[in-house]
């Protein structure tokens, strides 16, 4: 298991990660933005996640993706075998407690 972190504001970062073969199905990927169409809806209902990150997740299937940029949509969702957690502090959330074992379990922390 490896941790890889990247800001994700510049979409070229995701292309570099793909080209350098730094991501596989055991990787925990920590990014600023979530993947497109996965806990990335802003207050007007539009998806604002990264399309380049979504391509990387669909291709490489990291074990876990952690993000926090979209404060309106905290929570978790699976993309195939990849668990995606938006642990942002939002209108109801204070983060997430994540247990990484054979399975990944997520408990959203609320106030």
C-alpha atoms as a PDB file:
ATOM      1  CA  UNK A   1       0.000   0.000   0.000  1.00  0.00           C
ATOM      2  CA  UNK A   2       1.341   3.420  -0.925  1.00  0.00           C
ATOM      3  CA  UNK A   3       0.066   6.928  -0.341  1.00  0.00           C
ATOM      4  CA  UNK A   4       0.273   9.386  -3.235  1.00  0.00           C
ATOM      5  CA  UNK A   5      -0.735  13.014  -2.764  1.00  0.00           C
ATOM      6  CA  UNK A   6      -1.325  15.717  -5.347  1.00  0.00           C
ATOM      7  CA  UNK A   7      -3.176  19.027  -5.290  1.00  0.00           C
ATOM      8  CA  UNK A   8      -5.206  18.196  -8.378  1.00  0.00           C
ATOM      9  CA  UNK A   9      -5.855  21.798  -9.304  1.00  0.00           C
ATOM     10  CA  UNK A  10      -3.581  21.403 -12.322  1.00  0.00           C
ATOM     11  CA  UNK A  11      -4.956  18.506 -14.392  1.00  0.00           C
ATOM     12  CA  UNK A  12      -1.455  17.772 -15.741  1.00  0.00           C
ATOM     13  CA  UNK A  13      -0.634  16.285 -12.325  1.00  0.00           C
ATOM     14  CA  UNK A  14      -2.993  13.366 -13.014  1.00  0.00           C
ATOM     15  CA  UNK A  15      -1.437  12.746 -16.421  1.00  0.00           C
ATOM     16  CA  UNK A  16       2.020  12.683 -14.814  1.00  0.00           C
ATOM     17  CA  UNK A  17       0.843  10.164 -12.186  1.00  0.00           C
ATOM     18  CA  UNK A  18      -0.540   7.954 -14.945  1.00  0.00           C
ATOM     19  CA  UNK A  19       2.631   8.167 -17.043  1.00  0.00           C
ATOM     20  CA  UNK A  20       4.942   7.457 -14.101  1.00  0.00           C
ATOM     21  CA  UNK A  21       2.911   4.393 -13.149  1.00  0.00           C
ATOM     22  CA  UNK A  22       2.609   5.561  -9.537  1.00  0.00           C
ATOM     23  CA  UNK A  23      -0.991   4.417  -9.062  1.00  0.00           C
ATOM     24  CA  UNK A  24      -2.271   0.855  -8.771  1.00  0.00           C
ATOM     25  CA  UNK A  25      -5.106  -0.992  -6.999  1.00  0.00           C
ATOM     26  CA  UNK A  26      -3.312  -0.780  -3.620  1.00  0.00           C
ATOM     27  CA  UNK A  27      -2.745   2.998  -3.734  1.00  0.00           C
ATOM     28  CA  UNK A  28      -4.375   5.532  -1.443  1.00  0.00           C
ATOM     29  CA  UNK A  29      -4.608   8.715  -3.492  1.00  0.00           C
ATOM     30  CA  UNK A  30      -4.971  12.011  -1.622  1.00  0.00           C
ATOM     31  CA  UNK A  31      -6.147  14.908  -3.788  1.00  0.00           C
ATOM     32  CA  UNK A  32      -7.662  18.324  -3.311  1.00  0.00           C
ATOM     33  CA  UNK A  33     -10.534  17.827  -5.750  1.00  0.00           C
ATOM     34  CA  UNK A  34     -12.741  14.725  -6.021  1.00  0.00           C
ATOM     35  CA  UNK A  35     -13.123  12.714  -9.222  1.00  0.00           C
ATOM     36  CA  UNK A  36     -15.863  13.936 -11.545  1.00  0.00           C
ATOM     37  CA  UNK A  37     -19.367  12.637 -10.726  1.00  0.00           C
ATOM     38  CA  UNK A  38     -18.446  11.313  -7.277  1.00  0.00           C
ATOM     39  CA  UNK A  39     -19.331  13.429  -4.230  1.00  0.00           C
ATOM     40  CA  UNK A  40     -18.575  16.555  -6.251  1.00  0.00           C
ATOM     41  CA  UNK A  41     -21.888  18.428  -6.537  1.00  0.00           C
ATOM     42  CA  UNK A  42     -21.849  22.116  -5.677  1.00  0.00           C
ATOM     43  CA  UNK A  43     -24.822  24.034  -4.293  1.00  0.00           C
ATOM     44  CA  UNK A  44     -26.452  24.511  -7.712  1.00  0.00           C
ATOM     45  CA  UNK A  45     -26.317  20.762  -8.425  1.00  0.00           C
ATOM     46  CA  UNK A  46     -23.494  20.798 -10.975  1.00  0.00           C
ATOM     47  CA  UNK A  47     -20.607  18.316 -10.851  1.00  0.00           C
ATOM     48  CA  UNK A  48     -17.336  20.175 -10.286  1.00  0.00           C
ATOM     49  CA  UNK A  49     -14.876  17.301  -9.774  1.00  0.00           C
ATOM     50  CA  UNK A  50     -11.892  16.608 -11.978  1.00  0.00           C
ATOM     51  CA  UNK A  51     -12.520  14.769 -15.233  1.00  0.00           C
ATOM     52  CA  UNK A  52      -8.811  13.939 -15.527  1.00  0.00           C
ATOM     53  CA  UNK A  53      -8.843  12.392 -12.042  1.00  0.00           C
ATOM     54  CA  UNK A  54     -11.942  10.397 -12.974  1.00  0.00           C
ATOM     55  CA  UNK A  55     -10.118   9.029 -16.043  1.00  0.00           C
ATOM     56  CA  UNK A  56      -7.200   8.037 -13.816  1.00  0.00           C
ATOM     57  CA  UNK A  57      -9.496   6.309 -11.288  1.00  0.00           C
ATOM     58  CA  UNK A  58     -11.354   4.463 -14.053  1.00  0.00           C
ATOM     59  CA  UNK A  59      -8.060   3.308 -15.571  1.00  0.00           C
ATOM     60  CA  UNK A  60      -5.900   2.551 -12.498  1.00  0.00           C
ATOM     61  CA  UNK A  61      -8.509   1.637  -9.830  1.00  0.00           C
ATOM     62  CA  UNK A  62      -6.746   2.982  -6.714  1.00  0.00           C
ATOM     63  CA  UNK A  63      -8.017   1.443  -3.492  1.00  0.00           C
ATOM     64  CA  UNK A  64      -9.032   4.753  -1.932  1.00  0.00           C
ATOM     65  CA  UNK A  65      -9.299   8.374  -3.073  1.00  0.00           C
ATOM     66  CA  UNK A  66      -9.498  11.098  -0.399  1.00  0.00           C
ATOM     67  CA  UNK A  67     -10.552  14.635  -1.259  1.00  0.00           C
ATOM     68  CA  UNK A  68     -12.086  17.655   0.405  1.00  0.00           C
ATOM     69  CA  UNK A  69     -12.543  20.540  -2.025  1.00  0.00           C
ATOM     70  CA  UNK A  70     -16.320  20.360  -2.520  1.00  0.00           C
ATOM     71  CA  UNK A  71     -17.796  21.406   0.836  1.00  0.00           C
ATOM     72  CA  UNK A  72     -21.411  20.972  -0.292  1.00  0.00           C
ATOM     73  CA  UNK A  73     -21.153  17.206  -0.890  1.00  0.00           C
ATOM     74  CA  UNK A  74     -19.244  15.400   1.894  1.00  0.00           C
ATOM     75  CA  UNK A  75     -19.641  11.635   2.032  1.00  0.00           C
ATOM     76  CA  UNK A  76     -18.417   8.532   0.266  1.00  0.00           C
ATOM     77  CA  UNK A  77     -19.192   6.495  -2.825  1.00  0.00           C
ATOM     78  CA  UNK A  78     -17.627   3.612  -4.741  1.00  0.00           C
ATOM     79  CA  UNK A  79     -16.440   3.809  -8.319  1.00  0.00           C
ATOM     80  CA  UNK A  80     -16.034   0.143  -9.181  1.00  0.00           C
ATOM     81  CA  UNK A  81     -13.653  -1.160  -6.511  1.00  0.00           C
ATOM     82  CA  UNK A  82     -12.366   2.325  -5.601  1.00  0.00           C
ATOM     83  CA  UNK A  83     -13.733   3.975  -2.454  1.00  0.00           C
ATOM     84  CA  UNK A  84     -13.977   7.754  -2.875  1.00  0.00           C
ATOM     85  CA  UNK A  85     -14.316   9.876   0.280  1.00  0.00           C
ATOM     86  CA  UNK A  86     -15.010  13.594   0.274  1.00  0.00           C
ATOM     87  CA  UNK A  87     -14.110  14.365   3.877  1.00  0.00           C
ATOM     88  CA  UNK A  88     -14.585  18.123   3.581  1.00  0.00           C
ATOM     89  CA  UNK A  89     -15.951  20.214   6.385  1.00  0.00           C
ATOM     90  CA  UNK A  90     -19.337  21.287   5.152  1.00  0.00           C
ATOM     91  CA  UNK A  91     -22.733  22.365   6.348  1.00  0.00           C
ATOM     92  CA  UNK A  92     -23.083  19.141   8.346  1.00  0.00           C
ATOM     93  CA  UNK A  93     -19.700  17.466   8.365  1.00  0.00           C
ATOM     94  CA  UNK A  94     -16.434  17.645  10.211  1.00  0.00           C
ATOM     95  CA  UNK A  95     -14.483  14.981   8.340  1.00  0.00           C
ATOM     96  CA  UNK A  96     -14.387  11.196   8.158  1.00  0.00           C
ATOM     97  CA  UNK A  97     -13.085   8.247  10.139  1.00  0.00           C
ATOM     98  CA  UNK A  98     -11.713   5.634   7.727  1.00  0.00           C
ATOM     99  CA  UNK A  99     -10.742   2.100   8.709  1.00  0.00           C
ATOM    100  CA  UNK A 100      -8.471   0.434   6.154  1.00  0.00           C
ATOM    101  CA  UNK A 101      -8.337  -3.343   6.514  1.00  0.00           C
ATOM    102  CA  UNK A 102      -9.442  -6.167   4.258  1.00  0.00           C
ATOM    103  CA  UNK A 103     -12.391  -3.890   3.534  1.00  0.00           C
ATOM    104  CA  UNK A 104     -12.569  -0.110   3.812  1.00  0.00           C
ATOM    105  CA  UNK A 105     -15.198   1.282   6.157  1.00  0.00           C
ATOM    106  CA  UNK A 106     -16.077   4.959   6.375  1.00  0.00           C
ATOM    107  CA  UNK A 107     -17.899   6.849   9.105  1.00  0.00           C
ATOM    108  CA  UNK A 108     -18.686  10.453   8.363  1.00  0.00           C
ATOM    109  CA  UNK A 109     -18.221  12.738  11.351  1.00  0.00           C
ATOM    110  CA  UNK A 110     -21.069  15.173  11.852  1.00  0.00           C
ATOM    111  CA  UNK A 111     -21.639  17.981  14.287  1.00  0.00           C
END
